[in-house]
Amino acid sequence: MALRNLERQSVVHFAPTELRTERRGAKFVTRDVPAFPGYVFVQPSAASGGVRAVNSTRGITKLITLGQGPAIVPAGLIAALRIRFAPPDITPAPQFDQGDWVKILDGPFAEFVAQVEATPAAERVYLLIDLMGRATRVAVDARSLKREAS
């Protein structure tokens, strides 16, 4: 509600969010959640009513203050946060076929070469990895795989 009201007042604001994957029952759900729950960075201006207008905005509890005035966050820190929490480049997951040989690029099985067993979803791939002489099935994000030359 606070963000919506700040937009209506034309107040420059920044509420960084990040994608978080959580388990909900038997499924994994990826949601966009606030990086700093309950906090919004604002840049009040005289044209938008200044600090008083922001402090009295519906949904804003109070401004964080240092002494008598609002806390000032350095512009460099805000710029770094904007870069850190910029939306990721959404690249489509590569497609693999059953029987393809792939190399795992990251995670606990990084640098392992495995064979694709199944591709039930666009972003998940089931692989057969040779662990201690046994073929073990693991699920891996398709973006963390690279096709190996056969």
N, C-alpha and C. Protein backbone atom coordinates (compact mmCIF):
# COMPACT_ATOMS: atom_id res chain seq x y z
N MET A 1 0.83 -1.18 0.00
CA MET A 1 0.00 0.00 0.00
C MET A 1 0.88 1.25 0.00
N ALA A 2 1.96 1.23 0.77
CA ALA A 2 2.84 2.39 0.86
C ALA A 2 3.44 2.72 -0.51
N LEU A 3 3.89 1.70 -1.23
CA LEU A 3 4.49 1.94 -2.54
C LEU A 3 3.50 2.56 -3.51
N ARG A 4 2.29 2.05 -3.49
CA ARG A 4 1.24 2.59 -4.37
C ARG A 4 0.98 4.05 -4.06
N ASN A 5 0.91 4.40 -2.77
CA ASN A 5 0.65 5.78 -2.38
C ASN A 5 1.84 6.69 -2.69
N LEU A 6 3.05 6.20 -2.56
CA LEU A 6 4.22 7.00 -2.93
C LEU A 6 4.23 7.27 -4.42
N GLU A 7 3.84 6.29 -5.23
CA GLU A 7 3.76 6.49 -6.68
C GLU A 7 2.73 7.56 -7.02
N ARG A 8 1.59 7.53 -6.36
CA ARG A 8 0.55 8.54 -6.60
C ARG A 8 1.04 9.94 -6.29
N GLN A 9 1.93 10.06 -5.31
CA GLN A 9 2.46 11.36 -4.92
C GLN A 9 3.69 11.75 -5.73
N SER A 10 4.10 10.90 -6.66
CA SER A 10 5.29 11.12 -7.49
C SER A 10 6.56 11.24 -6.67
N VAL A 11 6.67 10.46 -5.60
CA VAL A 11 7.87 10.43 -4.76
C VAL A 11 8.79 9.34 -5.32
N VAL A 12 10.04 9.70 -5.55
CA VAL A 12 11.01 8.72 -6.03
C VAL A 12 11.28 7.74 -4.89
N HIS A 13 11.11 6.45 -5.15
CA HIS A 13 11.30 5.45 -4.11
C HIS A 13 11.95 4.20 -4.69
N PHE A 14 12.48 3.37 -3.80
CA PHE A 14 13.16 2.14 -4.20
C PHE A 14 12.92 1.09 -3.13
N ALA A 15 12.28 0.01 -3.50
CA ALA A 15 12.02 -1.11 -2.60
C ALA A 15 12.56 -2.37 -3.27
N PRO A 16 13.83 -2.71 -3.03
CA PRO A 16 14.42 -3.84 -3.74
C PRO A 16 13.74 -5.16 -3.42
N THR A 17 13.63 -5.99 -4.44
CA THR A 17 13.06 -7.33 -4.29
C THR A 17 14.01 -8.34 -4.89
N GLU A 18 13.85 -9.59 -4.49
CA GLU A 18 14.66 -10.67 -5.04
C GLU A 18 13.79 -11.90 -5.22
N LEU A 19 14.18 -12.73 -6.18
CA LEU A 19 13.45 -13.98 -6.40
C LEU A 19 13.90 -15.00 -5.38
N ARG A 20 12.93 -15.63 -4.74
CA ARG A 20 13.24 -16.64 -3.73
C ARG A 20 12.39 -17.87 -4.02
N THR A 21 13.03 -19.03 -4.04
CA THR A 21 12.32 -20.28 -4.27
C THR A 21 12.08 -20.95 -2.93
N GLU A 22 10.81 -21.27 -2.69
CA GLU A 22 10.41 -21.90 -1.43
C GLU A 22 9.63 -23.16 -1.72
N ARG A 23 9.70 -24.08 -0.81
CA ARG A 23 8.94 -25.31 -0.95
C ARG A 23 7.55 -25.10 -0.35
N ARG A 24 6.53 -25.37 -1.12
CA ARG A 24 5.13 -25.31 -0.68
C ARG A 24 4.53 -26.68 -0.90
N GLY A 25 4.49 -27.47 0.16
CA GLY A 25 3.99 -28.83 0.03
C GLY A 25 4.96 -29.65 -0.81
N ALA A 26 4.47 -30.20 -1.91
CA ALA A 26 5.31 -31.02 -2.77
C ALA A 26 5.90 -30.22 -3.93
N LYS A 27 5.58 -28.92 -4.01
CA LYS A 27 6.04 -28.09 -5.12
C LYS A 27 7.05 -27.05 -4.66
N PHE A 28 7.83 -26.55 -5.61
CA PHE A 28 8.70 -25.42 -5.37
C PHE A 28 8.08 -24.22 -6.06
N VAL A 29 7.97 -23.11 -5.32
CA VAL A 29 7.36 -21.90 -5.85
C VAL A 29 8.39 -20.78 -5.79
N THR A 30 8.58 -20.08 -6.91
CA THR A 30 9.49 -18.95 -6.95
C THR A 30 8.67 -17.67 -6.89
N ARG A 31 8.99 -16.84 -5.89
CA ARG A 31 8.24 -15.59 -5.69
C ARG A 31 9.22 -14.42 -5.62
N ASP A 32 8.70 -13.25 -5.93
CA ASP A 32 9.44 -12.01 -5.79
C ASP A 32 9.13 -11.47 -4.39
N VAL A 33 10.13 -11.43 -3.51
CA VAL A 33 9.91 -11.00 -2.13
C VAL A 33 10.79 -9.79 -1.82
N PRO A 34 10.37 -8.94 -0.87
CA PRO A 34 11.18 -7.78 -0.51
C PRO A 34 12.54 -8.20 0.07
N ALA A 35 13.58 -7.52 -0.36
CA ALA A 35 14.91 -7.79 0.17
C ALA A 35 15.03 -7.26 1.60
N PHE A 36 14.37 -6.14 1.88
CA PHE A 36 14.35 -5.54 3.21
C PHE A 36 12.89 -5.36 3.61
N PRO A 37 12.24 -6.41 4.11
CA PRO A 37 10.81 -6.32 4.43
C PRO A 37 10.50 -5.17 5.38
N GLY A 38 9.53 -4.36 5.01
CA GLY A 38 9.10 -3.25 5.85
C GLY A 38 9.85 -1.96 5.61
N TYR A 39 10.84 -1.96 4.70
CA TYR A 39 11.63 -0.75 4.47
C TYR A 39 11.54 -0.32 3.01
N VAL A 40 11.49 0.99 2.80
CA VAL A 40 11.48 1.58 1.47
C VAL A 40 12.45 2.75 1.49
N PHE A 41 13.30 2.85 0.49
CA PHE A 41 14.17 4.01 0.36
C PHE A 41 13.41 5.07 -0.42
N VAL A 42 13.34 6.29 0.10
CA VAL A 42 12.62 7.37 -0.58
C VAL A 42 13.54 8.56 -0.79
N GLN A 43 13.21 9.33 -1.83
CA GLN A 43 13.94 10.56 -2.12
C GLN A 43 12.89 11.66 -2.23
N PRO A 44 12.51 12.24 -1.07
CA PRO A 44 11.48 13.28 -1.12
C PRO A 44 12.01 14.54 -1.78
N SER A 45 11.12 15.24 -2.45
CA SER A 45 11.50 16.51 -3.07
C SER A 45 10.49 17.57 -2.65
N ALA A 46 10.87 18.81 -2.79
CA ALA A 46 9.96 19.91 -2.43
C ALA A 46 8.69 19.86 -3.28
N ALA A 47 8.82 19.46 -4.54
CA ALA A 47 7.66 19.39 -5.44
C ALA A 47 6.65 18.34 -4.97
N SER A 48 7.13 17.28 -4.34
CA SER A 48 6.22 16.22 -3.89
C SER A 48 5.77 16.41 -2.44
N GLY A 49 6.17 17.50 -1.81
CA GLY A 49 5.72 17.77 -0.45
C GLY A 49 6.78 17.55 0.60
N GLY A 50 7.95 17.07 0.19
CA GLY A 50 9.06 16.90 1.12
C GLY A 50 8.88 15.75 2.10
N VAL A 51 9.66 15.84 3.17
CA VAL A 51 9.69 14.78 4.18
C VAL A 51 8.35 14.64 4.88
N ARG A 52 7.68 15.75 5.12
CA ARG A 52 6.37 15.69 5.80
C ARG A 52 5.35 14.88 5.02
N ALA A 53 5.33 15.09 3.71
CA ALA A 53 4.37 14.36 2.87
C ALA A 53 4.66 12.86 2.90
N VAL A 54 5.94 12.50 2.87
CA VAL A 54 6.30 11.08 2.91
C VAL A 54 5.92 10.49 4.26
N ASN A 55 6.23 11.20 5.34
CA ASN A 55 5.96 10.69 6.68
C ASN A 55 4.47 10.53 6.95
N SER A 56 3.64 11.30 6.25
CA SER A 56 2.19 11.19 6.47
C SER A 56 1.50 10.33 5.41
N THR A 57 2.27 9.68 4.57
CA THR A 57 1.71 8.81 3.54
C THR A 57 1.11 7.57 4.18
N ARG A 58 -0.07 7.22 3.73
CA ARG A 58 -0.74 6.03 4.25
C ARG A 58 0.09 4.80 3.91
N GLY A 59 0.39 3.98 4.91
CA GLY A 59 1.21 2.80 4.73
C GLY A 59 2.62 2.99 5.25
N ILE A 60 3.03 4.23 5.46
CA ILE A 60 4.35 4.54 6.03
C ILE A 60 4.17 4.70 7.53
N THR A 61 4.88 3.91 8.31
CA THR A 61 4.77 4.01 9.77
C THR A 61 5.57 5.20 10.27
N LYS A 62 6.85 5.23 9.94
CA LYS A 62 7.68 6.37 10.30
C LYS A 62 8.98 6.32 9.51
N LEU A 63 9.62 7.46 9.42
CA LEU A 63 10.92 7.53 8.76
C LEU A 63 12.00 7.21 9.78
N ILE A 64 13.06 6.60 9.32
CA ILE A 64 14.19 6.35 10.20
C ILE A 64 14.95 7.66 10.34
N THR A 65 15.21 8.06 11.58
CA THR A 65 15.87 9.34 11.81
C THR A 65 17.19 9.15 12.54
N LEU A 66 18.07 10.11 12.31
CA LEU A 66 19.32 10.21 13.05
C LEU A 66 19.32 11.61 13.64
N GLY A 67 19.15 11.71 14.92
CA GLY A 67 19.04 13.03 15.55
C GLY A 67 17.69 13.64 15.25
N GLN A 68 17.69 14.86 14.75
CA GLN A 68 16.43 15.57 14.47
C GLN A 68 15.86 15.31 13.08
N GLY A 69 16.69 14.91 12.12
CA GLY A 69 16.21 14.74 10.75
C GLY A 69 16.24 13.31 10.28
N PRO A 70 15.69 13.08 9.09
CA PRO A 70 15.67 11.72 8.54
C PRO A 70 17.09 11.26 8.21
N ALA A 71 17.30 9.96 8.30
CA ALA A 71 18.60 9.37 7.97
C ALA A 71 18.83 9.50 6.47
N ILE A 72 20.03 9.92 6.11
CA ILE A 72 20.38 10.07 4.70
C ILE A 72 21.24 8.88 4.29
N VAL A 73 20.80 8.18 3.27
CA VAL A 73 21.55 7.04 2.75
C VAL A 73 22.39 7.55 1.59
N PRO A 74 23.69 7.30 1.58
CA PRO A 74 24.55 7.79 0.51
C PRO A 74 24.07 7.31 -0.87
N ALA A 75 24.16 8.20 -1.85
CA ALA A 75 23.71 7.88 -3.20
C ALA A 75 24.48 6.69 -3.77
N GLY A 76 25.76 6.56 -3.42
CA GLY A 76 26.55 5.43 -3.91
C GLY A 76 26.01 4.10 -3.43
N LEU A 77 25.53 4.07 -2.18
CA LEU A 77 24.96 2.84 -1.64
C LEU A 77 23.67 2.48 -2.36
N ILE A 78 22.83 3.48 -2.62
CA ILE A 78 21.58 3.22 -3.36
C ILE A 78 21.90 2.73 -4.77
N ALA A 79 22.89 3.33 -5.42
CA ALA A 79 23.28 2.90 -6.77
C ALA A 79 23.76 1.44 -6.74
N ALA A 80 24.55 1.09 -5.73
CA ALA A 80 25.03 -0.29 -5.60
C ALA A 80 23.88 -1.26 -5.35
N LEU A 81 22.91 -0.85 -4.53
CA LEU A 81 21.74 -1.70 -4.28
C LEU A 81 20.91 -1.88 -5.54
N ARG A 82 20.78 -0.82 -6.33
CA ARG A 82 20.02 -0.92 -7.59
C ARG A 82 20.68 -1.92 -8.53
N ILE A 83 22.01 -1.91 -8.58
CA ILE A 83 22.72 -2.86 -9.43
C ILE A 83 22.56 -4.28 -8.88
N ARG A 84 22.72 -4.42 -7.57
CA ARG A 84 22.64 -5.74 -6.94
C ARG A 84 21.27 -6.38 -7.10
N PHE A 85 20.21 -5.57 -7.00
CA PHE A 85 18.85 -6.10 -7.05
C PHE A 85 18.16 -5.85 -8.38
N ALA A 86 18.92 -5.56 -9.43
CA ALA A 86 18.33 -5.39 -10.77
C ALA A 86 17.73 -6.72 -11.21
N PRO A 87 16.63 -6.67 -11.94
CA PRO A 87 16.04 -7.94 -12.40
C PRO A 87 17.04 -8.71 -13.25
N PRO A 88 17.12 -10.01 -13.08
CA PRO A 88 18.08 -10.80 -13.85
C PRO A 88 17.66 -10.85 -15.31
N ASP A 89 18.65 -11.02 -16.17
CA ASP A 89 18.34 -11.24 -17.58
C ASP A 89 17.70 -12.61 -17.67
N ILE A 90 16.47 -12.62 -18.11
CA ILE A 90 15.75 -13.89 -18.21
C ILE A 90 16.12 -14.54 -19.54
N THR A 91 16.94 -15.54 -19.45
CA THR A 91 17.32 -16.27 -20.65
C THR A 91 16.60 -17.61 -20.61
N PRO A 92 16.07 -18.02 -21.73
CA PRO A 92 15.36 -19.30 -21.72
C PRO A 92 16.31 -20.45 -21.40
N ALA A 93 15.78 -21.41 -20.69
CA ALA A 93 16.59 -22.58 -20.33
C ALA A 93 16.89 -23.38 -21.58
N PRO A 94 18.13 -23.85 -21.71
CA PRO A 94 18.46 -24.66 -22.89
C PRO A 94 17.67 -25.96 -22.88
N GLN A 95 17.41 -26.48 -24.06
CA GLN A 95 16.63 -27.71 -24.20
C GLN A 95 17.59 -28.89 -24.39
N PHE A 96 17.34 -29.95 -23.67
CA PHE A 96 18.14 -31.16 -23.79
C PHE A 96 17.21 -32.32 -24.09
N ASP A 97 17.75 -33.31 -24.79
CA ASP A 97 16.99 -34.51 -25.12
C ASP A 97 17.50 -35.67 -24.29
N GLN A 98 16.63 -36.67 -24.12
CA GLN A 98 17.00 -37.86 -23.37
C GLN A 98 18.21 -38.50 -24.05
N GLY A 99 19.22 -38.84 -23.25
CA GLY A 99 20.43 -39.47 -23.77
C GLY A 99 21.56 -38.49 -24.02
N ASP A 100 21.30 -37.18 -24.01
CA ASP A 100 22.36 -36.18 -24.19
C ASP A 100 23.36 -36.25 -23.04
N TRP A 101 24.62 -36.00 -23.35
CA TRP A 101 25.65 -35.92 -22.32
C TRP A 101 25.87 -34.45 -22.00
N VAL A 102 25.86 -34.11 -20.71
CA VAL A 102 25.99 -32.72 -20.28
C VAL A 102 27.02 -32.60 -19.17
N LYS A 103 27.56 -31.40 -19.02
CA LYS A 103 28.49 -31.10 -17.93
C LYS A 103 27.77 -30.15 -16.98
N ILE A 104 27.82 -30.45 -15.68
CA ILE A 104 27.18 -29.61 -14.67
C ILE A 104 28.14 -28.48 -14.32
N LEU A 105 27.66 -27.23 -14.42
CA LEU A 105 28.52 -26.07 -14.25
C LEU A 105 28.64 -25.57 -12.82
N ASP A 106 27.61 -25.75 -12.00
CA ASP A 106 27.68 -25.27 -10.62
C ASP A 106 26.90 -26.18 -9.69
N GLY A 107 27.02 -25.92 -8.40
CA GLY A 107 26.34 -26.73 -7.40
C GLY A 107 27.24 -27.83 -6.86
N PRO A 108 26.67 -28.73 -6.08
CA PRO A 108 27.49 -29.77 -5.46
C PRO A 108 28.09 -30.77 -6.46
N PHE A 109 27.52 -30.86 -7.65
CA PHE A 109 28.02 -31.79 -8.65
C PHE A 109 28.75 -31.06 -9.78
N ALA A 110 29.28 -29.87 -9.51
CA ALA A 110 29.98 -29.09 -10.53
C ALA A 110 31.11 -29.91 -11.14
N GLU A 111 31.26 -29.78 -12.44
CA GLU A 111 32.30 -30.46 -13.23
C GLU A 111 32.00 -31.94 -13.50
N PHE A 112 30.89 -32.47 -12.98
CA PHE A 112 30.50 -33.84 -13.29
C PHE A 112 29.93 -33.88 -14.71
N VAL A 113 30.17 -34.97 -15.40
CA VAL A 113 29.54 -35.22 -16.70
C VAL A 113 28.48 -36.27 -16.45
N ALA A 114 27.27 -36.00 -16.97
CA ALA A 114 26.15 -36.91 -16.71
C ALA A 114 25.31 -37.06 -17.98
N GLN A 115 24.43 -38.04 -17.94
CA GLN A 115 23.54 -38.29 -19.07
C GLN A 115 22.12 -37.87 -18.70
N VAL A 116 21.44 -37.19 -19.63
CA VAL A 116 20.07 -36.74 -19.41
C VAL A 116 19.14 -37.95 -19.42
N GLU A 117 18.37 -38.08 -18.33
CA GLU A 117 17.41 -39.18 -18.25
C GLU A 117 16.04 -38.71 -18.71
N ALA A 118 15.63 -37.51 -18.25
CA ALA A 118 14.30 -36.99 -18.60
C ALA A 118 14.30 -35.48 -18.44
N THR A 119 13.37 -34.83 -19.16
CA THR A 119 13.19 -33.38 -19.04
C THR A 119 11.71 -33.09 -18.80
N PRO A 120 11.21 -33.29 -17.57
CA PRO A 120 9.78 -33.15 -17.30
C PRO A 120 9.29 -31.71 -17.34
N ALA A 121 10.15 -30.74 -17.03
CA ALA A 121 9.75 -29.33 -17.03
C ALA A 121 10.78 -28.54 -17.82
N ALA A 122 10.41 -27.34 -18.22
CA ALA A 122 11.30 -26.52 -19.04
C ALA A 122 12.60 -26.19 -18.32
N GLU A 123 12.57 -26.03 -17.01
CA GLU A 123 13.75 -25.59 -16.29
C GLU A 123 14.45 -26.71 -15.52
N ARG A 124 13.84 -27.87 -15.38
CA ARG A 124 14.42 -28.98 -14.63
C ARG A 124 14.82 -30.10 -15.58
N VAL A 125 15.93 -30.74 -15.25
CA VAL A 125 16.41 -31.87 -16.04
C VAL A 125 16.83 -32.94 -15.04
N TYR A 126 16.40 -34.18 -15.30
CA TYR A 126 16.84 -35.30 -14.48
C TYR A 126 18.04 -35.94 -15.15
N LEU A 127 19.12 -36.09 -14.36
CA LEU A 127 20.36 -36.64 -14.87
C LEU A 127 20.70 -37.94 -14.16
N LEU A 128 21.47 -38.78 -14.85
CA LEU A 128 22.04 -39.97 -14.24
C LEU A 128 23.53 -39.70 -14.08
N ILE A 129 23.98 -39.66 -12.82
CA ILE A 129 25.38 -39.40 -12.50
C ILE A 129 25.99 -40.68 -11.94
N ASP A 130 27.21 -40.96 -12.34
CA ASP A 130 27.91 -42.13 -11.82
C ASP A 130 28.58 -41.74 -10.50
N LEU A 131 28.00 -42.20 -9.38
CA LEU A 131 28.56 -41.96 -8.05
C LEU A 131 28.94 -43.30 -7.44
N MET A 132 30.22 -43.48 -7.21
CA MET A 132 30.74 -44.70 -6.59
C MET A 132 30.26 -45.96 -7.30
N GLY A 133 30.28 -45.92 -8.64
CA GLY A 133 29.94 -47.09 -9.42
C GLY A 133 28.46 -47.33 -9.63
N ARG A 134 27.60 -46.44 -9.14
CA ARG A 134 26.14 -46.59 -9.32
C ARG A 134 25.59 -45.39 -10.05
N ALA A 135 24.62 -45.61 -10.89
CA ALA A 135 23.93 -44.51 -11.57
C ALA A 135 22.93 -43.91 -10.60
N THR A 136 23.11 -42.63 -10.27
CA THR A 136 22.25 -41.94 -9.32
C THR A 136 21.49 -40.85 -10.03
N ARG A 137 20.20 -40.76 -9.77
CA ARG A 137 19.34 -39.77 -10.42
C ARG A 137 19.33 -38.49 -9.60
N VAL A 138 19.60 -37.35 -10.27
CA VAL A 138 19.55 -36.04 -9.62
C VAL A 138 18.78 -35.08 -10.51
N ALA A 139 18.11 -34.10 -9.88
CA ALA A 139 17.40 -33.05 -10.61
C ALA A 139 18.26 -31.80 -10.60
N VAL A 140 18.44 -31.18 -11.76
CA VAL A 140 19.31 -30.02 -11.90
C VAL A 140 18.60 -28.97 -12.73
N ASP A 141 18.88 -27.69 -12.43
CA ASP A 141 18.36 -26.59 -13.22
C ASP A 141 19.03 -26.63 -14.60
N ALA A 142 18.25 -26.55 -15.66
CA ALA A 142 18.78 -26.66 -17.02
C ALA A 142 19.79 -25.56 -17.34
N ARG A 143 19.68 -24.39 -16.67
CA ARG A 143 20.61 -23.29 -16.94
C ARG A 143 22.01 -23.57 -16.40
N SER A 144 22.15 -24.57 -15.54
CA SER A 144 23.47 -24.87 -14.98
C SER A 144 24.12 -26.06 -15.69
N LEU A 145 23.67 -26.32 -16.93
CA LEU A 145 24.22 -27.43 -17.71
C LEU A 145 24.80 -26.93 -19.03
N LYS A 146 25.81 -27.65 -19.50
CA LYS A 146 26.39 -27.35 -20.81
C LYS A 146 26.49 -28.66 -21.56
N ARG A 147 26.04 -28.65 -22.81
CA ARG A 147 26.07 -29.86 -23.63
C ARG A 147 27.53 -30.26 -23.88
N GLU A 148 27.82 -31.53 -23.71
CA GLU A 148 29.16 -32.06 -23.95
C GLU A 148 29.21 -32.65 -25.34
N ALA A 149 30.36 -32.52 -25.97
CA ALA A 149 30.55 -33.14 -27.29
C ALA A 149 30.60 -34.66 -27.10
N SER A 150 29.84 -35.38 -27.90
CA SER A 150 29.81 -36.83 -27.73
C SER A 150 30.85 -37.52 -28.55
